[in-house]
Amino acid sequence: MEEQSFKGVILVKDGVQRKVGFEELCLSNTMSMEALVALLVKKKVIKPEELLEAIRAVKDQRYKAGEPPKEGG
């Protein structure tokens, strides 16, 4: 039963399989992004305000008001 309810990916390294759930993938992605942003700010490549502005711009582009998508595309 557990095999059917698993939601994630199976990674293979050196012939060894490892199940990685979506929660772990999201956490790993978030930590990587935090580290990248912290490094870019520390090295003065970007300013925190510039990052927030870019996030807002992407959000505005991707999430527009309107009707939800229809089922089945």
Protein backbone atom coordinates (compact mmCIF):
# COMPACT_ATOMS: atom_id res chain seq x y z
CA MET A 1 0.00 0.00 0.00
CA GLU A 2 2.76 2.46 0.83
CA GLU A 3 4.20 2.14 -2.69
CA GLN A 4 0.93 3.38 -4.22
CA SER A 5 0.66 6.42 -1.92
CA PHE A 6 4.29 7.56 -2.34
CA LYS A 7 4.52 11.01 -3.90
CA GLY A 8 7.99 12.08 -4.88
CA VAL A 9 10.91 10.95 -6.97
CA ILE A 10 13.34 8.08 -6.85
CA LEU A 11 16.96 9.14 -7.14
CA VAL A 12 19.62 6.67 -8.26
CA LYS A 13 23.25 7.20 -7.31
CA ASP A 14 25.88 4.53 -7.82
CA GLY A 15 23.11 2.01 -8.47
CA VAL A 16 21.41 2.71 -5.12
CA GLN A 17 17.82 3.96 -5.22
CA ARG A 18 16.56 6.49 -2.69
CA LYS A 19 13.01 7.78 -2.39
CA VAL A 20 12.73 11.53 -1.92
CA GLY A 21 9.33 12.98 -1.08
CA PHE A 22 8.05 16.29 -2.37
CA GLU A 23 8.26 17.84 1.10
CA GLU A 24 12.00 17.06 1.26
CA LEU A 25 12.49 18.33 -2.29
CA CYS A 26 10.74 21.60 -1.45
CA LEU A 27 12.78 22.05 1.72
CA SER A 28 16.03 21.36 -0.14
CA ASN A 29 15.07 23.80 -2.89
CA THR A 30 14.17 26.49 -0.35
CA MET A 31 17.45 26.10 1.52
CA SER A 32 19.42 26.26 -1.73
CA MET A 33 17.61 29.43 -2.77
CA GLU A 34 18.21 31.02 0.64
CA ALA A 35 21.92 30.22 0.45
CA LEU A 36 22.17 31.59 -3.09
CA VAL A 37 20.39 34.83 -2.21
CA ALA A 38 22.47 35.27 0.95
CA LEU A 39 25.67 34.82 -1.05
CA LEU A 40 24.59 37.24 -3.80
CA VAL A 41 23.70 39.88 -1.19
CA LYS A 42 26.92 39.29 0.78
CA LYS A 43 29.00 39.73 -2.38
CA LYS A 44 26.94 42.84 -3.23
CA VAL A 45 25.79 41.39 -6.55
CA ILE A 46 22.19 42.27 -5.68
CA LYS A 47 20.42 44.29 -3.01
CA PRO A 48 17.58 42.73 -1.00
CA GLU A 49 15.24 45.41 -2.36
CA GLU A 50 16.09 44.38 -5.94
CA LEU A 51 15.26 40.78 -5.13
CA LEU A 52 11.89 41.71 -3.65
CA GLU A 53 11.12 43.85 -6.70
CA ALA A 54 12.00 40.95 -9.02
CA ILE A 55 9.83 38.55 -6.99
CA ARG A 56 6.90 40.96 -7.20
CA ALA A 57 7.37 41.32 -10.97
CA VAL A 58 7.38 37.54 -11.48
CA LYS A 59 4.34 37.17 -9.23
CA ASP A 60 2.47 39.85 -11.18
CA GLN A 61 3.34 38.16 -14.49
CA ARG A 62 2.37 34.65 -13.40
CA TYR A 63 -0.65 35.28 -11.20
CA LYS A 64 -3.10 37.46 -13.03
CA ALA A 65 -6.70 37.95 -11.99
CA GLY A 66 -9.29 36.12 -14.01
CA GLU A 67 -11.09 32.85 -14.31
CA PRO A 68 -9.36 29.68 -13.18
CA PRO A 69 -8.13 27.36 -15.95
CA LYS A 70 -10.69 24.90 -17.32
CA GLU A 71 -10.37 21.24 -16.44
CA GLY A 72 -8.50 19.15 -19.00
CA GLY A 73 -6.65 22.07 -20.63
